[in-house]
Amino acid sequence: MQKTLIQSECRLALNPQYESHSLYPREAEKVLNADGFGRAKQSISQWPGYAPTPLLELSALARELDVASLCYKDESSRFDLGSFKPLGGAYAVASLLQKQIGQRQGGRKPDISELLAGKHRHTAIDITVTAATDGNHGRSVAWGARLFGCRCIIFIHETVTNAREHAIADYGAEVIRTPGTFDDAVRKAAETARAQGWHVIPDTSDGTAIEAPRNVMQGYTLMAAEAIEQLPANRAPTHLFLQAGVGGMAAAACAQFWQTFSEHTPAIVLVEPQTAGCWFDSLSAGHPTAVAGSLKSIMAGLACGEVSYLAWQILRTGATAMMTISDTVAEKSMRLLADQRRVDPPVVAGESGVAGLAGLIEAASDQQCRIMLGLDEQSRVLVFGTEGATDPESYHKIVGRPPHEVASGRHKL
C-alpha cells in the first residue's frame, strides 16, 4: 500500500508508528486517564453556562462524500467564547488556583464551588497566570482568570489579528505582543514567568512542564466524551479527522475514544496547515521534529512548529495518518458550510475550526486517499468544529457574509 501521497493542495501519509487494534498504552495512561477525566467533568459541569455543545448530522454532505454518515461537533457556542478552548485553559487555571490557594492558606484545596462563589479571591488576586496564544487559548485563560479571580497576562506573536488581541483583553487580561512565531511567544511567556514568579498555563509541553498542560488536555476530553454520548444509535465512528496544532485537542480526543472503544478505536487522521506540518514531519521521522519558517496560515490556531511532548505520548502510536492542507482548502470548506442553499443546515466555522472537515473533504475526493485510509461508503466520520467566527472580520472576508447572517439560517437536529 502506498504510504505517502503528495498533491498540490494536501499531503497525506500513514503513520509508521501506528499500532492498530491495540489497548490504550501505559505511557498514554500517565498523561490522560479516567480519573483525570472524572475530575475535569466534575469541575467544568459546575461552571455557570455549562451545557454540552450540539452534534450536527450533515447527511447531505455525507452523501456527496460517499460515506455512510458525517457528524460535526459544533463548539462555536461553548461558554459564549466561540471555541472549545475554555474546557482546557480555564480548567487548568481552576486546578492551579485550587492547589496554590490550598498551599498558601495552609489547608485543604478549596472546592470549585468555593472558587466560583469568590470565597478565596483575597488569595487568588495575588496569583498571576500567563500563557502564549494564537488567540483562542489565551482568551480561555483570560476568561478563566476573570471567573476565578486571579491576575492574567497573555503573550501573542506578531501575526495574531487585532480582533483576537482585543477579544483577550476584553476579559481583563494584559496582552503583550512579541516578535516571531507562536513558538517564540511560548518561550517568551515561560522566560518571563520564571523571572516574575507567574504560573504558565500552556496548551503545549516540552517535557519540563507537565501538570498544567496535562490539565488543559484533560479538560478537552470532556468535548470528546460529550460527542461519544451524542453519537447516533450509539454507533462508534470509523474515522476521526482532527486538527492538530501542537496536538493537545487531537490527543485528548484520541485518548477518550481509545479508552472507550479500545481495539475498536476509530482511525484517527491529523490535519494541519501546509506551512506548519510539525506532526506530519515528526510522525514521518519517528521523533519530534520542529518546522522552521514563518508558519503563517489563516489557520492561525494550528500554525505551530513544534509538537507537544505530552500529546506525543498519545498520538505517536494512536494516530493512523497525518495530512497537511492549504489555506485555500480551509477557505472552501468554510464557504461550503455557510452555504444556505445546501440541504444541510448552515454552520459558522472559523479557519482553524474547519480544518478537520476540510481534510476529510480532500481525502474523500481522491480515490488513492480513500484507499489509504479505508474510507468507503460504509464509513462513519466524526469531525470537531473547534471554533466559530472568533475573528468576525476575517470570517466575513473569506465567506462573503458576516457570521450572524449565516447563523440566522441554521437549526439544530
Protein backbone atom coordinates (compact mmCIF):
# COMPACT_ATOMS: atom_id res chain seq x y z
CA MET A 1 0.00 0.00 0.00
CA GLN A 2 1.21 3.48 -0.83
CA LYS A 3 2.48 5.20 2.32
CA THR A 4 2.60 8.86 1.22
CA LEU A 5 0.54 10.86 -1.25
CA ILE A 6 1.54 14.39 -2.27
CA GLN A 7 -0.82 16.71 -4.17
CA SER A 8 -0.93 20.44 -4.80
CA GLU A 9 -3.43 21.13 -2.01
CA CYS A 10 -2.54 18.44 0.52
CA ARG A 11 -0.10 15.77 1.66
CA LEU A 12 -1.27 12.51 3.19
CA ALA A 13 0.85 9.84 4.86
CA LEU A 14 0.28 6.81 7.03
CA ASN A 15 1.90 6.91 10.46
CA PRO A 16 4.69 4.28 10.56
CA GLN A 17 4.34 4.00 14.37
CA TYR A 18 0.57 3.43 14.37
CA GLU A 19 -0.46 0.44 16.47
CA SER A 20 -3.79 -0.78 15.17
CA HIS A 21 -6.19 -2.76 17.35
CA SER A 22 -4.13 -2.21 20.49
CA LEU A 23 -5.15 -1.44 24.07
CA TYR A 24 -4.69 2.05 25.48
CA PRO A 25 -0.95 2.11 26.37
CA ARG A 26 0.55 2.68 29.80
CA GLU A 27 2.56 5.73 28.70
CA ALA A 28 -0.67 7.35 27.49
CA GLU A 29 -2.42 6.43 30.76
CA LYS A 30 0.16 8.55 32.58
CA VAL A 31 -0.96 11.58 30.59
CA LEU A 32 -4.75 11.21 30.28
CA ASN A 33 -6.84 8.71 32.21
CA ALA A 34 -10.32 8.04 33.55
CA ASP A 35 -9.62 9.53 36.99
CA GLY A 36 -8.39 12.77 35.44
CA PHE A 37 -11.43 12.92 33.18
CA GLY A 38 -13.71 12.45 36.18
CA ARG A 39 -12.11 15.39 38.00
CA ALA A 40 -12.38 17.60 34.92
CA LYS A 41 -16.02 16.72 34.34
CA GLN A 42 -16.90 17.27 37.99
CA SER A 43 -15.36 20.76 37.90
CA ILE A 44 -16.47 22.01 34.49
CA SER A 45 -20.05 20.80 34.84
CA GLN A 46 -20.46 23.22 37.78
CA TRP A 47 -19.37 26.33 35.87
CA PRO A 48 -22.09 28.85 35.01
CA GLY A 49 -23.34 28.34 31.47
CA TYR A 50 -22.06 24.78 31.05
CA ALA A 51 -24.01 22.66 28.60
CA PRO A 52 -22.94 20.06 26.03
CA THR A 53 -22.46 21.59 22.60
CA PRO A 54 -24.55 20.16 19.76
CA LEU A 55 -23.61 17.30 17.49
CA LEU A 56 -24.88 18.05 13.99
CA GLU A 57 -25.51 15.35 11.40
CA LEU A 58 -24.52 16.55 7.93
CA SER A 59 -26.39 13.96 5.89
CA ALA A 60 -26.31 15.73 2.53
CA LEU A 61 -22.56 16.31 2.70
CA ALA A 62 -22.07 12.68 3.73
CA ARG A 63 -23.84 11.59 0.55
CA GLU A 64 -21.68 13.93 -1.53
CA LEU A 65 -18.54 12.48 0.03
CA ASP A 66 -19.84 8.89 -0.38
CA VAL A 67 -19.62 7.98 3.31
CA ALA A 68 -22.38 6.48 5.46
CA SER A 69 -22.59 9.37 7.93
CA LEU A 70 -20.87 12.60 8.91
CA CYS A 71 -21.24 14.15 12.37
CA TYR A 72 -19.95 17.62 13.24
CA LYS A 73 -19.39 18.58 16.90
CA ASP A 74 -20.06 22.32 16.89
CA GLU A 75 -18.01 24.15 19.56
CA SER A 76 -18.92 27.66 18.41
CA SER A 77 -21.26 28.21 21.37
CA ARG A 78 -19.03 26.87 24.19
CA PHE A 79 -19.42 29.26 27.15
CA ASP A 80 -20.06 32.03 24.59
CA LEU A 81 -16.31 32.15 23.87
CA GLY A 82 -16.65 30.81 20.35
CA SER A 83 -14.39 27.76 20.72
CA PHE A 84 -13.70 24.59 22.70
CA LYS A 85 -10.70 26.18 24.42
CA PRO A 86 -12.25 27.13 27.82
CA LEU A 87 -12.61 23.42 28.54
CA GLY A 88 -8.80 23.32 28.74
CA GLY A 89 -7.39 26.73 29.57
CA ALA A 90 -9.96 27.73 32.18
CA TYR A 91 -9.94 24.26 33.74
CA ALA A 92 -6.16 24.43 34.11
CA VAL A 93 -6.49 27.87 35.74
CA ALA A 94 -9.06 26.50 38.21
CA SER A 95 -6.86 23.49 39.05
CA LEU A 96 -3.81 25.69 39.58
CA LEU A 97 -5.70 28.08 41.86
CA GLN A 98 -7.12 25.23 43.93
CA LYS A 99 -3.60 23.91 44.50
CA GLN A 100 -1.97 27.30 45.12
CA ILE A 101 -4.69 28.56 47.46
CA GLY A 102 -4.52 25.35 49.47
CA GLN A 103 -0.75 25.72 49.84
CA ARG A 104 -0.87 29.44 50.69
CA GLN A 105 -3.61 29.07 53.25
CA GLY A 106 -2.00 26.02 54.83
CA GLY A 107 -5.04 23.83 54.47
CA ARG A 108 -7.08 21.76 52.07
CA LYS A 109 -7.63 22.65 48.44
CA PRO A 110 -10.86 24.64 48.05
CA ASP A 111 -13.72 23.08 46.13
CA ILE A 112 -14.56 24.51 42.74
CA SER A 113 -17.84 25.77 44.18
CA GLU A 114 -15.87 27.89 46.67
CA LEU A 115 -13.81 29.47 43.89
CA LEU A 116 -16.95 30.22 41.91
CA ALA A 117 -18.52 31.82 44.99
CA GLY A 118 -15.47 34.09 45.41
CA LYS A 119 -14.60 32.81 48.89
CA HIS A 120 -10.84 32.88 48.21
CA ARG A 121 -10.48 35.95 45.98
CA HIS A 122 -8.30 37.71 48.54
CA THR A 123 -5.71 34.98 47.93
CA ALA A 124 -6.40 34.41 44.23
CA ILE A 125 -5.86 38.07 43.33
CA ASP A 126 -2.17 37.75 44.26
CA ILE A 127 -1.67 34.85 41.82
CA THR A 128 -0.77 35.62 38.18
CA VAL A 129 -1.35 33.19 35.32
CA THR A 130 0.13 33.61 31.87
CA ALA A 131 0.07 31.86 28.50
CA ALA A 132 1.15 32.21 24.90
CA THR A 133 -1.55 32.02 22.29
CA ASP A 134 -2.67 32.38 18.69
CA GLY A 135 -5.98 33.64 20.07
CA ASN A 136 -8.44 31.12 21.49
CA HIS A 137 -6.27 29.59 24.23
CA GLY A 138 -5.32 32.99 25.59
CA ARG A 139 -8.94 34.04 25.54
CA SER A 140 -9.91 30.95 27.54
CA VAL A 141 -7.15 31.51 30.13
CA ALA A 142 -8.20 35.16 30.47
CA TRP A 143 -11.84 34.13 30.86
CA GLY A 144 -10.90 31.55 33.49
CA ALA A 145 -8.78 34.09 35.37
CA ARG A 146 -11.69 36.51 35.49
CA LEU A 147 -14.12 33.75 36.51
CA PHE A 148 -11.93 32.53 39.37
CA GLY A 149 -10.43 35.87 40.43
CA CYS A 150 -6.71 35.89 39.60
CA ARG A 151 -4.46 38.17 37.50
CA CYS A 152 -3.71 37.26 33.88
CA ILE A 153 -1.05 38.24 31.31
CA ILE A 154 -1.18 36.82 27.79
CA PHE A 155 1.60 36.76 25.16
CA ILE A 156 0.71 36.87 21.47
CA HIS A 157 3.00 36.83 18.45
CA GLU A 158 3.26 39.29 15.61
CA THR A 159 0.70 37.77 13.21
CA VAL A 160 -2.19 37.44 15.68
CA THR A 161 -5.00 39.69 14.45
CA ASN A 162 -6.09 42.78 16.33
CA ALA A 163 -9.58 41.33 16.71
CA ARG A 164 -8.21 38.30 18.57
CA GLU A 165 -5.99 40.54 20.72
CA HIS A 166 -8.97 42.68 21.72
CA ALA A 167 -11.09 39.60 22.45
CA ILE A 168 -8.48 38.52 25.02
CA ALA A 169 -8.18 41.98 26.57
CA ASP A 170 -11.96 42.17 26.92
CA TYR A 171 -11.68 39.61 29.73
CA GLY A 172 -9.35 41.82 31.73
CA ALA A 173 -6.02 40.33 30.72
CA GLU A 174 -2.91 42.34 29.94
CA VAL A 175 -1.81 41.41 26.41
CA ILE A 176 1.85 41.57 25.32
CA ARG A 177 2.71 41.25 21.62
CA THR A 178 6.14 39.72 20.84
CA PRO A 179 8.17 39.26 17.62
CA GLY A 180 8.30 35.92 15.83
CA THR A 181 6.05 32.87 15.75
CA PHE A 182 3.77 31.13 18.21
CA ASP A 183 6.69 29.02 19.42
CA ASP A 184 8.70 32.20 20.09
CA ALA A 185 5.79 33.53 22.17
CA VAL A 186 5.70 30.25 24.12
CA ARG A 187 9.36 30.65 25.03
CA LYS A 188 8.93 34.33 25.93
CA ALA A 189 5.99 33.57 28.23
CA ALA A 190 7.97 30.84 30.00
CA GLU A 191 11.06 33.03 30.44
CA THR A 192 9.04 35.95 31.82
CA ALA A 193 7.05 33.73 34.15
CA ARG A 194 10.22 32.29 35.66
CA ALA A 195 11.61 35.77 36.27
CA GLN A 196 8.36 37.17 37.72
CA GLY A 197 7.07 34.20 39.68
CA TRP A 198 4.00 33.78 37.47
CA HIS A 199 2.29 30.50 36.62
CA VAL A 200 2.24 29.38 32.98
CA ILE A 201 -0.92 27.74 31.63
CA PRO A 202 0.40 26.31 28.36
CA ASP A 203 -1.51 24.25 25.84
CA THR A 204 1.78 22.63 24.84
CA SER A 205 4.67 20.99 26.68
CA ASP A 206 8.37 20.50 26.04
CA GLY A 207 8.54 17.89 28.80
CA THR A 208 9.64 20.25 31.58
CA ALA A 209 6.15 21.50 32.47
CA ILE A 210 3.66 18.67 32.91
CA GLU A 211 0.82 19.42 35.32
CA ALA A 212 -0.79 22.50 33.72
CA PRO A 213 -0.66 21.33 30.06
CA ARG A 214 -1.94 17.92 31.16
CA ASN A 215 -4.89 19.62 32.86
CA VAL A 216 -5.53 21.60 29.66
CA MET A 217 -5.70 18.36 27.68
CA GLN A 218 -7.75 16.61 30.35
CA GLY A 219 -10.34 19.38 30.10
CA TYR A 220 -10.54 18.84 26.35
CA THR A 221 -11.52 15.19 26.87
CA LEU A 222 -14.95 16.36 28.01
CA MET A 223 -15.68 17.52 24.47
CA ALA A 224 -14.89 14.05 23.12
CA ALA A 225 -16.91 12.38 25.90
CA GLU A 226 -19.93 14.52 25.03
CA ALA A 227 -19.61 13.52 21.38
CA ILE A 228 -19.46 9.83 22.31
CA GLU A 229 -22.70 10.15 24.29
CA GLN A 230 -24.37 12.03 21.42
CA LEU A 231 -23.45 9.62 18.62
CA PRO A 232 -26.49 8.41 16.65
CA ALA A 233 -27.66 4.97 17.77
CA ASN A 234 -24.52 4.73 19.95
CA ARG A 235 -22.55 3.62 16.88
CA ALA A 236 -18.84 4.37 17.08
CA PRO A 237 -17.36 6.32 14.18
CA THR A 238 -14.89 4.58 11.91
CA HIS A 239 -12.84 7.75 11.30
CA LEU A 240 -11.95 10.93 13.18
CA PHE A 241 -10.38 13.83 11.26
CA LEU A 242 -8.76 16.05 13.90
CA GLN A 243 -6.97 19.38 13.56
CA ALA A 244 -3.53 19.04 15.12
CA GLY A 245 -1.72 22.28 16.04
CA VAL A 246 0.53 21.34 18.96
CA GLY A 247 -1.62 18.23 19.38
CA GLY A 248 -3.44 18.82 22.66
CA MET A 249 -7.01 18.60 21.34
CA ALA A 250 -6.24 15.74 18.98
CA ALA A 251 -4.52 13.76 21.73
CA ALA A 252 -7.43 14.37 24.10
CA ALA A 253 -9.97 13.13 21.55
CA CYS A 254 -7.75 10.19 20.64
CA ALA A 255 -7.34 9.25 24.30
CA GLN A 256 -11.05 9.42 25.11
CA PHE A 257 -12.06 7.32 22.11
CA TRP A 258 -9.18 4.88 22.70
CA GLN A 259 -10.15 4.37 26.34
CA THR A 260 -13.83 3.99 25.41
CA PHE A 261 -13.59 1.74 22.36
CA SER A 262 -10.23 0.00 22.94
CA GLU A 263 -9.29 -2.12 19.93
CA HIS A 264 -12.30 -0.72 18.03
CA THR A 265 -10.96 2.84 18.21
CA PRO A 266 -11.67 4.83 15.01
CA ALA A 267 -8.92 5.59 12.53
CA ILE A 268 -7.52 8.99 13.52
CA VAL A 269 -6.25 11.39 10.86
CA LEU A 270 -4.36 14.51 11.99
CA VAL A 271 -4.85 17.63 9.85
CA GLU A 272 -2.62 20.73 9.89
CA PRO A 273 -1.61 23.64 7.61
CA GLN A 274 0.86 23.08 4.79
CA THR A 275 3.14 25.70 6.30
CA ALA A 276 3.16 24.13 9.78
CA GLY A 277 3.26 20.37 9.34
CA CYS A 278 5.06 19.54 12.57
CA TRP A 279 3.04 16.37 13.14
CA PHE A 280 3.45 15.29 9.55
CA ASP A 281 7.22 15.65 9.79
CA SER A 282 7.50 14.27 13.34
CA LEU A 283 5.46 11.12 12.76
CA SER A 284 7.21 10.55 9.44
CA ALA A 285 10.60 10.78 11.18
CA GLY A 286 9.57 8.80 14.25
CA HIS A 287 10.57 11.56 16.67
CA PRO A 288 9.51 15.17 17.39
CA THR A 289 10.76 17.37 14.57
CA ALA A 290 10.46 21.17 14.57
CA VAL A 291 9.28 23.05 11.48
CA ALA A 292 11.13 26.27 10.71
CA GLY A 293 9.97 29.36 8.84
CA SER A 294 7.16 31.84 9.29
CA LEU A 295 4.45 29.13 9.73
CA LYS A 296 1.93 31.73 8.53
CA SER A 297 -1.54 30.40 7.74
CA ILE A 298 -5.13 31.59 8.00
CA MET A 299 -5.49 28.56 10.30
CA ALA A 300 -3.69 30.58 12.98
CA GLY A 301 -4.61 28.28 15.85
CA LEU A 302 -2.84 25.42 14.07
CA ALA A 303 0.22 27.35 12.88
CA CYS A 304 2.63 25.64 15.28
CA GLY A 305 6.15 24.45 14.54
CA GLU A 306 6.68 22.04 17.45
CA VAL A 307 4.59 19.17 18.76
CA SER A 308 3.62 18.94 22.43
CA TYR A 309 5.63 16.41 24.42
CA LEU A 310 2.51 15.19 26.23
CA ALA A 311 0.45 14.87 23.05
CA TRP A 312 3.32 12.90 21.50
CA GLN A 313 2.92 10.20 24.18
CA ILE A 314 -0.57 9.50 22.83
CA LEU A 315 -0.50 10.34 19.14
CA ARG A 316 2.84 8.69 18.37
CA THR A 317 1.07 5.34 18.18
CA GLY A 318 -2.56 6.47 18.29
CA ALA A 319 -2.69 8.49 15.06
CA THR A 320 -3.40 6.43 11.96
CA ALA A 321 -2.35 9.05 9.43
CA MET A 322 -1.47 12.70 9.05
CA MET A 323 -2.16 15.24 6.36
CA THR A 324 -1.46 18.89 5.57
CA ILE A 325 -3.90 21.14 3.73
CA SER A 326 -3.62 24.53 2.05
CA ASP A 327 -5.34 27.69 3.20
CA THR A 328 -7.43 27.52 0.02
CA VAL A 329 -8.88 24.18 1.11
CA ALA A 330 -9.83 25.60 4.51
CA GLU A 331 -11.48 28.64 2.92
CA LYS A 332 -13.52 26.47 0.54
CA SER A 333 -14.77 24.38 3.44
CA MET A 334 -15.81 27.46 5.41
CA ARG A 335 -17.83 28.68 2.45
CA LEU A 336 -19.34 25.26 1.88
CA LEU A 337 -20.60 25.04 5.47
CA ALA A 338 -22.00 28.57 5.28
CA ASP A 339 -23.89 27.98 2.02
CA GLN A 340 -27.58 28.32 2.89
CA ARG A 341 -28.61 26.84 -0.45
CA ARG A 342 -27.47 23.42 0.71
CA VAL A 343 -29.76 20.81 2.28
CA ASP A 344 -27.69 20.62 5.47
CA PRO A 345 -28.15 23.50 7.93
CA PRO A 346 -25.59 26.29 7.52
CA VAL A 347 -22.75 26.22 10.05
CA VAL A 348 -20.43 29.03 11.14
CA ALA A 349 -16.90 27.62 11.29
CA GLY A 350 -13.65 29.53 11.74
CA GLU A 351 -10.41 29.00 9.86
CA SER A 352 -8.87 26.57 12.35
CA GLY A 353 -12.18 25.06 13.39
CA VAL A 354 -12.93 23.78 9.91
CA ALA A 355 -9.58 22.05 9.31
CA GLY A 356 -10.68 18.53 10.25
CA LEU A 357 -13.66 18.70 7.91
CA ALA A 358 -11.51 20.23 5.18
CA GLY A 359 -9.11 17.31 5.49
CA LEU A 360 -11.98 14.85 5.16
CA ILE A 361 -13.34 16.59 2.07
CA GLU A 362 -9.94 16.46 0.38
CA ALA A 363 -9.35 12.82 1.33
CA ALA A 364 -12.84 11.68 0.31
CA SER A 365 -12.48 13.38 -3.06
CA ASP A 366 -9.41 11.35 -4.06
CA GLN A 367 -9.56 7.61 -4.70
CA GLN A 368 -5.97 6.98 -3.62
CA CYS A 369 -6.59 8.78 -0.33
CA ARG A 370 -9.75 6.77 0.25
CA ILE A 371 -7.87 3.52 -0.25
CA MET A 372 -5.03 4.58 2.07
CA LEU A 373 -7.47 5.48 4.85
CA GLY A 374 -10.02 2.72 4.33
CA LEU A 375 -12.64 5.38 3.66
CA ASP A 376 -15.69 3.99 1.84
CA GLU A 377 -19.46 4.12 1.62
CA GLN A 378 -19.76 2.30 4.98
CA SER A 379 -17.58 4.81 6.86
CA ARG A 380 -18.99 6.81 9.75
CA VAL A 381 -16.97 10.02 10.19
CA LEU A 382 -16.80 12.45 13.11
CA VAL A 383 -15.15 15.87 12.96
CA PHE A 384 -14.87 18.61 15.58
CA GLY A 385 -15.73 22.17 14.61
CA THR A 386 -13.46 23.60 17.27
CA GLU A 387 -14.27 27.28 16.69
CA GLY A 388 -16.85 29.56 15.19
CA ALA A 389 -16.13 33.04 13.84
CA THR A 390 -13.66 34.08 16.54
CA ASP A 391 -12.47 36.82 14.19
CA PRO A 392 -15.73 38.07 12.58
CA GLU A 393 -13.95 40.45 10.19
CA SER A 394 -11.73 37.68 8.83
CA TYR A 395 -14.71 35.34 8.57
CA HIS A 396 -16.72 37.92 6.61
CA LYS A 397 -13.81 38.45 4.22
CA ILE A 398 -13.46 34.72 3.50
CA VAL A 399 -17.12 33.69 3.38
CA GLY A 400 -18.57 36.86 1.90
CA ARG A 401 -21.17 37.34 4.61
CA PRO A 402 -20.98 38.22 8.31
CA PRO A 403 -21.33 35.28 10.72
CA HIS A 404 -24.66 36.46 12.17
CA GLU A 405 -26.27 36.26 8.72
CA VAL A 406 -25.03 32.72 8.24
CA ALA A 407 -26.08 31.66 11.75
CA SER A 408 -29.60 33.05 11.31
CA GLY A 409 -30.42 30.26 8.87
CA ARG A 410 -29.24 27.34 10.98
CA HIS A 411 -31.14 24.90 13.16
CA LYS A 412 -30.11 22.01 15.39
CA LEU A 413 -31.00 18.37 14.83
